[in-house]
Amino acid sequence: MVAQQKKPHTLGETLIKPSILKAVEIVLGEEGKRKIAQLSLSDNTVKRRIDELALDIKNQLIHKLKYSVFFAIQCDESTDVANCCQLLVYCRFINEQSIAEELLFSQALNSTSKGS
């Protein structure tokens, strides 16, 4: 939830966990508080969980591409709001009787994207 709201990862440990501990202590008492206190919401834990989610999504997409009869790849260059060039790679494939489109890859480019 912290990552979805695009807030600093330390927010979980500095604000959310103390709030939860206080609420659990009021509702469930000291025993419940001790159990909840064992949960880790550190910056490293949140980052690791985000990385695990990203890897799982990537593996699911690769699995769908491998078992698709046909697929197509499209490359596109774009400039974001910070005026940085981005290389985007999309894939289209057949997924359960319909055509699906997913972002496969995104990478910042070191150079500009002029026609020359």
Protein backbone atom coordinates (compact mmCIF):
# COMPACT_ATOMS: atom_id res chain seq x y z
CA MET A 1 0.00 0.00 0.00
CA VAL A 2 2.91 2.32 0.71
CA ALA A 3 4.34 1.67 -2.76
CA GLN A 4 0.95 2.02 -4.44
CA GLN A 5 0.57 5.48 -2.93
CA LYS A 6 4.11 6.33 -4.11
CA LYS A 7 5.17 7.31 -0.62
CA PRO A 8 8.64 6.82 0.88
CA HIS A 9 9.19 3.22 1.96
CA THR A 10 10.19 4.34 5.45
CA LEU A 11 6.61 5.50 6.04
CA GLY A 12 5.59 1.95 6.89
CA GLU A 13 8.04 1.70 9.75
CA THR A 14 7.76 5.25 11.07
CA LEU A 15 4.00 5.88 10.83
CA ILE A 16 1.94 2.85 9.85
CA LYS A 17 3.43 0.23 12.17
CA PRO A 18 3.26 2.42 15.33
CA SER A 19 -0.37 3.27 14.49
CA ILE A 20 -1.25 -0.39 14.01
CA LEU A 21 0.51 -1.35 17.24
CA LYS A 22 -1.46 1.25 19.19
CA ALA A 23 -4.79 0.13 17.69
CA VAL A 24 -4.05 -3.57 18.27
CA GLU A 25 -3.04 -2.88 21.87
CA ILE A 26 -6.37 -1.14 22.49
CA VAL A 27 -8.47 -3.82 20.78
CA LEU A 28 -6.57 -7.06 21.49
CA GLY A 29 -4.26 -6.20 24.38
CA GLU A 30 -0.55 -6.84 24.94
CA GLU A 31 -0.52 -10.35 23.41
CA GLY A 32 -1.82 -9.10 20.07
CA LYS A 33 0.59 -6.18 20.16
CA ARG A 34 3.57 -8.54 20.63
CA LYS A 35 2.53 -10.61 17.61
CA ILE A 36 2.04 -7.58 15.36
CA ALA A 37 5.36 -6.10 16.54
CA GLN A 38 7.11 -9.01 14.81
CA LEU A 39 6.00 -7.78 11.36
CA SER A 40 8.75 -6.09 9.40
CA LEU A 41 7.92 -2.93 7.47
CA SER A 42 11.47 -1.70 7.01
CA ASP A 43 12.63 0.04 3.85
CA ASN A 44 14.52 -3.09 2.75
CA THR A 45 11.51 -5.35 3.32
CA VAL A 46 9.21 -3.12 1.28
CA LYS A 47 11.78 -2.87 -1.53
CA ARG A 48 12.27 -6.65 -1.53
CA ARG A 49 8.52 -7.23 -1.76
CA ILE A 50 8.22 -4.76 -4.65
CA ASP A 51 11.08 -6.53 -6.46
CA GLU A 52 9.42 -9.92 -5.87
CA LEU A 53 6.12 -8.63 -7.29
CA ALA A 54 7.86 -7.19 -10.35
CA LEU A 55 9.71 -10.47 -10.98
CA ASP A 56 6.48 -12.45 -10.65
CA ILE A 57 4.68 -10.20 -13.14
CA LYS A 58 7.61 -10.51 -15.55
CA ASN A 59 7.60 -14.33 -15.24
CA GLN A 60 3.84 -14.47 -15.83
CA LEU A 61 4.18 -12.37 -18.99
CA ILE A 62 7.06 -14.49 -20.32
CA HIS A 63 5.02 -17.64 -19.62
CA LYS A 64 2.05 -16.21 -21.58
CA LEU A 65 4.34 -15.25 -24.47
CA LYS A 66 5.91 -18.71 -24.62
CA TYR A 67 2.52 -20.42 -24.84
CA SER A 68 1.00 -17.96 -27.28
CA VAL A 69 0.73 -19.21 -30.86
CA PHE A 70 1.65 -15.76 -32.24
CA PHE A 71 3.14 -12.62 -30.77
CA ALA A 72 4.41 -9.26 -32.00
CA ILE A 73 6.88 -6.79 -30.53
CA GLN A 74 6.72 -3.03 -31.04
CA CYS A 75 9.43 -0.54 -30.05
CA ASP A 76 8.61 3.07 -29.34
CA GLU A 77 10.66 6.05 -28.20
CA SER A 78 9.08 8.72 -26.10
CA THR A 79 10.08 11.72 -24.02
CA ASP A 80 8.66 11.93 -20.50
CA VAL A 81 7.69 15.01 -18.50
CA ALA A 82 11.28 15.38 -17.22
CA ASN A 83 12.46 15.63 -20.86
CA CYS A 84 14.25 12.25 -20.66
CA CYS A 85 14.14 9.85 -23.61
CA GLN A 86 12.53 6.49 -22.89
CA LEU A 87 12.64 3.32 -24.96
CA LEU A 88 9.40 1.36 -24.61
CA VAL A 89 8.84 -2.16 -25.90
CA TYR A 90 5.32 -3.55 -26.14
CA CYS A 91 4.25 -7.08 -26.93
CA ARG A 92 0.96 -8.27 -28.35
CA PHE A 93 -0.03 -11.88 -28.05
CA ILE A 94 -2.99 -14.23 -27.99
CA ASN A 95 -4.20 -14.83 -24.46
CA GLU A 96 -7.21 -17.10 -23.93
CA GLN A 97 -8.90 -16.49 -27.29
CA SER A 98 -8.28 -12.72 -27.28
CA ILE A 99 -5.45 -10.38 -28.20
CA ALA A 100 -3.60 -8.85 -25.25
CA GLU A 101 -1.07 -6.03 -25.17
CA GLU A 102 1.47 -5.53 -22.38
CA LEU A 103 4.45 -3.30 -21.70
CA LEU A 104 7.43 -5.62 -21.92
CA PHE A 105 10.34 -3.26 -21.31
CA SER A 106 11.08 0.35 -20.44
CA GLN A 107 14.54 1.89 -20.32
CA ALA A 108 15.85 5.45 -20.13
CA LEU A 109 18.07 6.33 -23.10
CA ASN A 110 21.39 8.09 -22.58
CA SER A 111 21.20 10.05 -25.81
CA THR A 112 18.62 12.32 -27.41
CA SER A 113 16.04 11.08 -29.87
CA LYS A 114 16.59 13.40 -32.82
CA GLY A 115 15.88 12.17 -36.32
CA SER A 116 19.54 12.36 -37.29
